[in-house]
Amino acid sequence: MNPASVLEKTTKGVEEIETRKHKLDAKLRTILITINGKLTAAELASRFAQLGDVAPLLDELVALGFARAAALDDPATVRRAIGEAARALTDVLGPQGDAITARLEACKSLAEARAFLDAQRASLDTVLGKSRAGPFWQKIDALLA
């Protein structure tokens, strides 16, 4: 396992956490719970140092289909897409959107940007109104796809 690999749960991994369907060993389950699509293999190994070398356990979770290396976005693509999304926010909100735009621009991945904007969706829909919300979200969905 590459220590720089960012790991994320697969559908099977999420299912195991929710239902214990696959009866995963307690040690593997504990690590799987911590896998969040943001932590690298090295960071996970550091968190579980008390278990010894966890690299084989991470490899096992991947081999069993509970986790996978997350696809990393190209940094230039991320910056461009987030920049365009921030401009779209500024276009519809003007200066009153500066705080939300600054938080959006601090996002480090497309997934993080999508999650942030999804958390703001209800508020933005209220501010934008029906006529402007639909086109705005279509543009954002296309930019952050």
N, C-alpha and C. Protein backbone atom coordinates (compact mmCIF):
# COMPACT_ATOMS: atom_id res chain seq x y z
N MET A 1 0.86 -1.18 0.00
CA MET A 1 0.00 0.00 0.00
C MET A 1 0.90 1.23 0.00
N ASN A 2 0.64 2.11 -0.94
CA ASN A 2 1.37 3.36 -1.00
C ASN A 2 0.94 4.22 0.20
N PRO A 3 1.90 4.67 1.02
CA PRO A 3 1.54 5.47 2.21
C PRO A 3 0.79 6.76 1.87
N ALA A 4 0.96 7.26 0.64
CA ALA A 4 0.29 8.50 0.24
C ALA A 4 -1.12 8.27 -0.30
N SER A 5 -1.50 7.01 -0.47
CA SER A 5 -2.84 6.70 -0.99
C SER A 5 -3.91 7.14 0.01
N VAL A 6 -4.91 7.80 -0.51
CA VAL A 6 -6.07 8.17 0.30
C VAL A 6 -7.09 7.05 0.13
N LEU A 7 -7.57 6.53 1.25
CA LEU A 7 -8.51 5.42 1.19
C LEU A 7 -9.93 5.87 1.46
N GLU A 8 -10.86 5.22 0.75
CA GLU A 8 -12.28 5.48 0.96
C GLU A 8 -13.01 4.15 1.04
N LYS A 9 -14.15 4.14 1.72
CA LYS A 9 -14.97 2.94 1.81
C LYS A 9 -15.65 2.68 0.47
N THR A 10 -15.81 1.41 0.14
CA THR A 10 -16.62 1.02 -1.01
C THR A 10 -18.06 0.86 -0.53
N THR A 11 -18.94 0.56 -1.44
CA THR A 11 -20.34 0.28 -1.07
C THR A 11 -20.38 -0.89 -0.09
N LYS A 12 -19.54 -1.90 -0.35
CA LYS A 12 -19.47 -3.06 0.54
C LYS A 12 -18.98 -2.64 1.92
N GLY A 13 -18.03 -1.72 1.97
CA GLY A 13 -17.51 -1.22 3.25
C GLY A 13 -18.57 -0.48 4.03
N VAL A 14 -19.33 0.37 3.36
CA VAL A 14 -20.41 1.11 4.01
C VAL A 14 -21.46 0.12 4.53
N GLU A 15 -21.77 -0.87 3.71
CA GLU A 15 -22.74 -1.89 4.10
C GLU A 15 -22.28 -2.63 5.37
N GLU A 16 -20.99 -2.94 5.44
CA GLU A 16 -20.46 -3.63 6.61
C GLU A 16 -20.58 -2.77 7.86
N ILE A 17 -20.30 -1.49 7.73
CA ILE A 17 -20.40 -0.59 8.89
C ILE A 17 -21.86 -0.50 9.34
N GLU A 18 -22.77 -0.40 8.41
CA GLU A 18 -24.18 -0.23 8.75
C GLU A 18 -24.85 -1.49 9.26
N THR A 19 -24.48 -2.66 8.72
CA THR A 19 -25.24 -3.88 9.01
C THR A 19 -24.43 -5.03 9.61
N ARG A 20 -23.11 -4.95 9.55
CA ARG A 20 -22.23 -6.06 9.98
C ARG A 20 -22.50 -7.33 9.17
N LYS A 21 -23.00 -7.17 7.98
CA LYS A 21 -23.38 -8.29 7.11
C LYS A 21 -22.23 -9.27 6.87
N HIS A 22 -21.03 -8.74 6.71
CA HIS A 22 -19.89 -9.58 6.34
C HIS A 22 -19.08 -10.06 7.54
N LYS A 23 -19.50 -9.68 8.74
CA LYS A 23 -18.89 -10.11 10.00
C LYS A 23 -17.37 -9.92 9.99
N LEU A 24 -16.97 -8.73 9.65
CA LEU A 24 -15.56 -8.36 9.58
C LEU A 24 -14.93 -8.43 10.97
N ASP A 25 -13.69 -8.91 11.03
CA ASP A 25 -12.90 -8.98 12.26
C ASP A 25 -12.89 -7.61 12.93
N ALA A 26 -12.90 -7.58 14.27
CA ALA A 26 -12.99 -6.33 15.03
C ALA A 26 -11.87 -5.35 14.68
N LYS A 27 -10.65 -5.84 14.50
CA LYS A 27 -9.52 -4.97 14.18
C LYS A 27 -9.74 -4.31 12.81
N LEU A 28 -10.15 -5.12 11.83
CA LEU A 28 -10.39 -4.58 10.49
C LEU A 28 -11.57 -3.62 10.50
N ARG A 29 -12.60 -3.96 11.24
CA ARG A 29 -13.79 -3.11 11.32
C ARG A 29 -13.44 -1.75 11.93
N THR A 30 -12.63 -1.76 12.97
CA THR A 30 -12.22 -0.51 13.61
C THR A 30 -11.49 0.39 12.63
N ILE A 31 -10.60 -0.19 11.84
CA ILE A 31 -9.87 0.59 10.84
C ILE A 31 -10.83 1.07 9.76
N LEU A 32 -11.72 0.18 9.32
CA LEU A 32 -12.68 0.53 8.27
C LEU A 32 -13.54 1.72 8.69
N ILE A 33 -13.94 1.75 9.93
CA ILE A 33 -14.76 2.86 10.43
C ILE A 33 -14.02 4.18 10.26
N THR A 34 -12.72 4.17 10.43
CA THR A 34 -11.91 5.39 10.36
C THR A 34 -11.63 5.83 8.93
N ILE A 35 -11.69 4.92 7.99
CA ILE A 35 -11.44 5.28 6.59
C ILE A 35 -12.55 6.22 6.13
N ASN A 36 -12.13 7.41 5.63
CA ASN A 36 -13.13 8.44 5.34
C ASN A 36 -12.93 9.17 4.01
N GLY A 37 -12.00 8.70 3.18
CA GLY A 37 -11.77 9.37 1.91
C GLY A 37 -10.91 10.61 2.02
N LYS A 38 -10.39 10.88 3.21
CA LYS A 38 -9.52 12.04 3.42
C LYS A 38 -8.16 11.65 3.98
N LEU A 39 -8.13 10.59 4.77
CA LEU A 39 -6.88 10.17 5.42
C LEU A 39 -6.05 9.29 4.49
N THR A 40 -4.74 9.51 4.52
CA THR A 40 -3.83 8.67 3.74
C THR A 40 -3.56 7.38 4.51
N ALA A 41 -2.98 6.41 3.81
CA ALA A 41 -2.60 5.16 4.46
C ALA A 41 -1.62 5.45 5.59
N ALA A 42 -0.71 6.39 5.39
CA ALA A 42 0.27 6.74 6.43
C ALA A 42 -0.43 7.33 7.65
N GLU A 43 -1.43 8.19 7.43
CA GLU A 43 -2.17 8.78 8.55
C GLU A 43 -2.96 7.72 9.30
N LEU A 44 -3.54 6.78 8.57
CA LEU A 44 -4.26 5.68 9.23
C LEU A 44 -3.29 4.82 10.03
N ALA A 45 -2.12 4.53 9.47
CA ALA A 45 -1.12 3.73 10.18
C ALA A 45 -0.70 4.43 11.46
N SER A 46 -0.57 5.75 11.41
CA SER A 46 -0.19 6.52 12.59
C SER A 46 -1.28 6.44 13.66
N ARG A 47 -2.53 6.54 13.24
CA ARG A 47 -3.64 6.48 14.20
C ARG A 47 -3.76 5.12 14.88
N PHE A 48 -3.31 4.09 14.17
CA PHE A 48 -3.44 2.73 14.70
C PHE A 48 -2.07 2.12 15.02
N ALA A 49 -1.11 2.95 15.37
CA ALA A 49 0.24 2.50 15.66
C ALA A 49 0.25 1.44 16.77
N GLN A 50 -0.68 1.54 17.71
CA GLN A 50 -0.73 0.58 18.81
C GLN A 50 -1.02 -0.84 18.32
N LEU A 51 -1.54 -0.98 17.11
CA LEU A 51 -1.81 -2.31 16.54
C LEU A 51 -0.60 -2.89 15.82
N GLY A 52 0.46 -2.11 15.73
CA GLY A 52 1.64 -2.54 15.00
C GLY A 52 1.56 -2.08 13.56
N ASP A 53 2.09 -2.87 12.65
CA ASP A 53 2.09 -2.52 11.22
C ASP A 53 0.70 -2.76 10.65
N VAL A 54 -0.02 -1.69 10.34
CA VAL A 54 -1.39 -1.84 9.83
C VAL A 54 -1.44 -1.89 8.30
N ALA A 55 -0.30 -1.69 7.64
CA ALA A 55 -0.30 -1.75 6.17
C ALA A 55 -0.92 -3.04 5.66
N PRO A 56 -0.56 -4.22 6.23
CA PRO A 56 -1.20 -5.45 5.75
C PRO A 56 -2.71 -5.46 5.99
N LEU A 57 -3.16 -4.82 7.06
CA LEU A 57 -4.60 -4.76 7.34
C LEU A 57 -5.30 -3.87 6.32
N LEU A 58 -4.66 -2.76 5.96
CA LEU A 58 -5.22 -1.89 4.92
C LEU A 58 -5.28 -2.62 3.59
N ASP A 59 -4.20 -3.34 3.28
CA ASP A 59 -4.17 -4.14 2.04
C ASP A 59 -5.30 -5.17 2.05
N GLU A 60 -5.54 -5.77 3.20
CA GLU A 60 -6.59 -6.78 3.31
C GLU A 60 -7.98 -6.16 3.09
N LEU A 61 -8.22 -4.98 3.67
CA LEU A 61 -9.50 -4.31 3.45
C LEU A 61 -9.71 -4.01 1.97
N VAL A 62 -8.64 -3.61 1.29
CA VAL A 62 -8.74 -3.34 -0.15
C VAL A 62 -8.98 -4.65 -0.90
N ALA A 63 -8.20 -5.68 -0.58
CA ALA A 63 -8.33 -6.97 -1.27
C ALA A 63 -9.72 -7.58 -1.09
N LEU A 64 -10.31 -7.38 0.08
CA LEU A 64 -11.65 -7.92 0.36
C LEU A 64 -12.77 -7.06 -0.21
N GLY A 65 -12.42 -5.89 -0.74
CA GLY A 65 -13.41 -5.02 -1.37
C GLY A 65 -14.13 -4.08 -0.43
N PHE A 66 -13.62 -3.88 0.79
CA PHE A 66 -14.25 -2.97 1.74
C PHE A 66 -13.75 -1.53 1.58
N ALA A 67 -12.58 -1.38 0.97
CA ALA A 67 -11.99 -0.05 0.80
C ALA A 67 -11.26 -0.02 -0.53
N ARG A 68 -10.96 1.19 -0.99
CA ARG A 68 -10.20 1.36 -2.23
C ARG A 68 -9.42 2.66 -2.15
N ALA A 69 -8.42 2.77 -2.99
CA ALA A 69 -7.69 4.03 -3.09
C ALA A 69 -8.60 5.02 -3.80
N ALA A 70 -8.77 6.17 -3.21
CA ALA A 70 -9.63 7.20 -3.80
C ALA A 70 -8.96 7.79 -5.02
N ALA A 71 -9.75 8.08 -6.01
CA ALA A 71 -9.22 8.77 -7.19
C ALA A 71 -8.97 10.22 -6.79
N LEU A 72 -7.75 10.65 -6.97
CA LEU A 72 -7.42 12.03 -6.60
C LEU A 72 -7.63 12.95 -7.78
N ASP A 73 -8.23 14.07 -7.52
CA ASP A 73 -8.47 15.06 -8.56
C ASP A 73 -7.17 15.76 -8.92
N ASP A 74 -7.03 16.10 -10.17
CA ASP A 74 -5.89 16.89 -10.63
C ASP A 74 -5.98 18.26 -9.96
N PRO A 75 -4.90 18.69 -9.27
CA PRO A 75 -4.95 19.98 -8.55
C PRO A 75 -5.34 21.16 -9.43
N ALA A 76 -4.86 21.20 -10.66
CA ALA A 76 -5.21 22.31 -11.55
C ALA A 76 -6.70 22.29 -11.87
N THR A 77 -7.25 21.11 -12.08
CA THR A 77 -8.67 20.97 -12.36
C THR A 77 -9.50 21.40 -11.15
N VAL A 78 -9.05 21.00 -9.98
CA VAL A 78 -9.75 21.36 -8.75
C VAL A 78 -9.79 22.88 -8.59
N ARG A 79 -8.65 23.53 -8.71
CA ARG A 79 -8.57 24.99 -8.54
C ARG A 79 -9.45 25.71 -9.57
N ARG A 80 -9.39 25.24 -10.83
CA ARG A 80 -10.18 25.87 -11.88
C ARG A 80 -11.67 25.72 -11.60
N ALA A 81 -12.11 24.50 -11.28
CA ALA A 81 -13.53 24.24 -11.04
C ALA A 81 -14.04 25.00 -9.82
N ILE A 82 -13.27 24.99 -8.75
CA ILE A 82 -13.69 25.70 -7.55
C ILE A 82 -13.70 27.22 -7.80
N GLY A 83 -12.73 27.70 -8.55
CA GLY A 83 -12.70 29.13 -8.90
C GLY A 83 -13.92 29.53 -9.70
N GLU A 84 -14.30 28.70 -10.66
CA GLU A 84 -15.50 29.00 -11.47
C GLU A 84 -16.77 28.92 -10.62
N ALA A 85 -16.82 27.95 -9.71
CA ALA A 85 -17.98 27.83 -8.84
C ALA A 85 -18.07 29.05 -7.92
N ALA A 86 -16.93 29.52 -7.44
CA ALA A 86 -16.91 30.72 -6.59
C ALA A 86 -17.39 31.94 -7.37
N ARG A 87 -16.97 32.04 -8.63
CA ARG A 87 -17.45 33.15 -9.47
C ARG A 87 -18.96 33.06 -9.68
N ALA A 88 -19.47 31.85 -9.86
CA ALA A 88 -20.91 31.67 -10.03
C ALA A 88 -21.65 32.12 -8.77
N LEU A 89 -21.09 31.80 -7.61
CA LEU A 89 -21.69 32.26 -6.36
C LEU A 89 -21.69 33.78 -6.27
N THR A 90 -20.56 34.38 -6.61
CA THR A 90 -20.46 35.84 -6.58
C THR A 90 -21.45 36.48 -7.55
N ASP A 91 -21.61 35.85 -8.71
CA ASP A 91 -22.55 36.37 -9.71
C ASP A 91 -23.98 36.41 -9.18
N VAL A 92 -24.37 35.39 -8.41
CA VAL A 92 -25.76 35.35 -7.94
C VAL A 92 -25.96 36.00 -6.58
N LEU A 93 -24.91 36.04 -5.75
CA LEU A 93 -25.06 36.59 -4.40
C LEU A 93 -24.44 37.96 -4.22
N GLY A 94 -23.51 38.32 -5.09
CA GLY A 94 -22.82 39.59 -4.92
C GLY A 94 -21.96 39.57 -3.66
N PRO A 95 -21.69 40.74 -3.10
CA PRO A 95 -20.83 40.83 -1.92
C PRO A 95 -21.36 40.09 -0.70
N GLN A 96 -22.67 39.89 -0.60
CA GLN A 96 -23.22 39.19 0.56
C GLN A 96 -22.79 37.72 0.58
N GLY A 97 -22.24 37.24 -0.53
CA GLY A 97 -21.77 35.86 -0.59
C GLY A 97 -20.29 35.68 -0.32
N ASP A 98 -19.61 36.75 0.12
CA ASP A 98 -18.15 36.67 0.32
C ASP A 98 -17.73 35.58 1.31
N ALA A 99 -18.46 35.43 2.40
CA ALA A 99 -18.07 34.43 3.41
C ALA A 99 -18.19 33.01 2.86
N ILE A 100 -19.29 32.72 2.19
CA ILE A 100 -19.48 31.38 1.65
C ILE A 100 -18.50 31.12 0.50
N THR A 101 -18.22 32.15 -0.28
CA THR A 101 -17.26 32.01 -1.38
C THR A 101 -15.87 31.72 -0.83
N ALA A 102 -15.48 32.40 0.24
CA ALA A 102 -14.17 32.16 0.85
C ALA A 102 -14.06 30.74 1.37
N ARG A 103 -15.12 30.23 1.97
CA ARG A 103 -15.10 28.84 2.47
C ARG A 103 -15.03 27.85 1.32
N LEU A 104 -15.73 28.15 0.24
CA LEU A 104 -15.68 27.29 -0.94
C LEU A 104 -14.26 27.25 -1.50
N GLU A 105 -13.64 28.41 -1.61
CA GLU A 105 -12.29 28.49 -2.17
C GLU A 105 -11.25 27.79 -1.29
N ALA A 106 -11.56 27.54 -0.03
CA ALA A 106 -10.65 26.82 0.87
C ALA A 106 -10.74 25.31 0.69
N CYS A 107 -11.73 24.82 -0.05
CA CYS A 107 -11.87 23.38 -0.27
C CYS A 107 -10.69 22.86 -1.08
N LYS A 108 -10.27 21.64 -0.77
CA LYS A 108 -9.08 21.07 -1.40
C LYS A 108 -9.39 20.00 -2.44
N SER A 109 -10.65 19.64 -2.59
CA SER A 109 -11.04 18.64 -3.59
C SER A 109 -12.43 18.96 -4.11
N LEU A 110 -12.76 18.35 -5.25
CA LEU A 110 -14.09 18.55 -5.80
C LEU A 110 -15.14 17.95 -4.87
N ALA A 111 -14.82 16.80 -4.28
CA ALA A 111 -15.77 16.16 -3.37
C ALA A 111 -16.03 17.04 -2.15
N GLU A 112 -14.97 17.64 -1.62
CA GLU A 112 -15.12 18.53 -0.47
C GLU A 112 -15.96 19.76 -0.85
N ALA A 113 -15.72 20.30 -2.04
CA ALA A 113 -16.50 21.46 -2.51
C ALA A 113 -17.97 21.09 -2.69
N ARG A 114 -18.23 19.91 -3.29
CA ARG A 114 -19.62 19.46 -3.46
C ARG A 114 -20.30 19.30 -2.11
N ALA A 115 -19.60 18.66 -1.17
CA ALA A 115 -20.18 18.43 0.16
C ALA A 115 -20.48 19.75 0.86
N PHE A 116 -19.55 20.70 0.74
CA PHE A 116 -19.76 22.01 1.37
C PHE A 116 -20.99 22.69 0.77
N LEU A 117 -21.07 22.74 -0.56
CA LEU A 117 -22.20 23.42 -1.19
C LEU A 117 -23.51 22.68 -0.94
N ASP A 118 -23.46 21.34 -0.89
CA ASP A 118 -24.67 20.58 -0.57
C ASP A 118 -25.19 20.95 0.82
N ALA A 119 -24.27 21.17 1.75
CA ALA A 119 -24.66 21.55 3.11
C ALA A 119 -25.29 22.95 3.13
N GLN A 120 -24.97 23.76 2.13
CA GLN A 120 -25.49 25.12 2.04
C GLN A 120 -26.73 25.22 1.15
N ARG A 121 -27.12 24.12 0.56
CA ARG A 121 -28.17 24.12 -0.47
C ARG A 121 -29.47 24.78 0.00
N ALA A 122 -29.97 24.40 1.13
CA ALA A 122 -31.26 24.95 1.58
C ALA A 122 -31.17 26.47 1.75
N SER A 123 -30.09 26.93 2.35
CA SER A 123 -29.92 28.38 2.54
C SER A 123 -29.81 29.10 1.21
N LEU A 124 -29.02 28.54 0.31
CA LEU A 124 -28.85 29.17 -0.99
C LEU A 124 -30.15 29.17 -1.79
N ASP A 125 -30.89 28.06 -1.71
CA ASP A 125 -32.17 28.01 -2.42
C ASP A 125 -33.11 29.11 -1.93
N THR A 126 -33.11 29.34 -0.64
CA THR A 126 -33.96 30.39 -0.07
C THR A 126 -33.54 31.76 -0.58
N VAL A 127 -32.25 32.02 -0.55
CA VAL A 127 -31.74 33.33 -0.98
C VAL A 127 -31.94 33.53 -2.48
N LEU A 128 -31.71 32.48 -3.26
CA LEU A 128 -31.79 32.61 -4.71
C LEU A 128 -33.21 32.62 -5.23
N GLY A 129 -34.10 31.92 -4.57
CA GLY A 129 -35.45 31.78 -5.09
C GLY A 129 -35.48 30.74 -6.19
N LYS A 130 -36.67 30.27 -6.52
CA LYS A 130 -36.82 29.19 -7.50
C LYS A 130 -36.25 29.54 -8.87
N SER A 131 -36.46 30.74 -9.31
CA SER A 131 -36.07 31.09 -10.69
C SER A 131 -34.55 31.08 -10.88
N ARG A 132 -33.80 31.41 -9.84
CA ARG A 132 -32.34 31.44 -10.00
C ARG A 132 -31.66 30.19 -9.43
N ALA A 133 -32.31 29.48 -8.53
CA ALA A 133 -31.70 28.31 -7.90
C ALA A 133 -31.45 27.18 -8.90
N GLY A 134 -32.44 26.88 -9.73
CA GLY A 134 -32.28 25.78 -10.70
C GLY A 134 -31.09 25.96 -11.61
N PRO A 135 -31.01 27.08 -12.33
CA PRO A 135 -29.85 27.30 -13.20
C PRO A 135 -28.52 27.34 -12.45
N PHE A 136 -28.52 27.89 -11.24
CA PHE A 136 -27.30 27.94 -10.44
C PHE A 136 -26.81 26.53 -10.13
N TRP A 137 -27.70 25.65 -9.65
CA TRP A 137 -27.29 24.30 -9.28
C TRP A 137 -26.89 23.48 -10.51
N GLN A 138 -27.52 23.73 -11.64
CA GLN A 138 -27.10 23.04 -12.87
C GLN A 138 -25.66 23.41 -13.21
N LYS A 139 -25.34 24.67 -13.08
CA LYS A 139 -23.99 25.14 -13.39
C LYS A 139 -22.99 24.54 -12.38
N ILE A 140 -23.33 24.56 -11.11
CA ILE A 140 -22.44 24.02 -10.07
C ILE A 140 -22.24 22.53 -10.28
N ASP A 141 -23.32 21.79 -10.57
CA ASP A 141 -23.20 20.34 -10.79
C ASP A 141 -22.27 20.05 -11.97
N ALA A 142 -22.37 20.83 -13.01
CA ALA A 142 -21.50 20.63 -14.17
C ALA A 142 -20.03 20.95 -13.84
N LEU A 143 -19.81 22.00 -13.07
CA LEU A 143 -18.45 22.40 -12.71
C LEU A 143 -17.78 21.41 -11.78
N LEU A 144 -18.52 20.86 -10.85
CA LEU A 144 -17.93 20.00 -9.82
C LEU A 144 -18.14 18.51 -10.07
N ALA A 145 -18.54 18.17 -11.30
CA ALA A 145 -18.77 16.75 -11.64
C ALA A 145 -17.48 15.97 -11.65
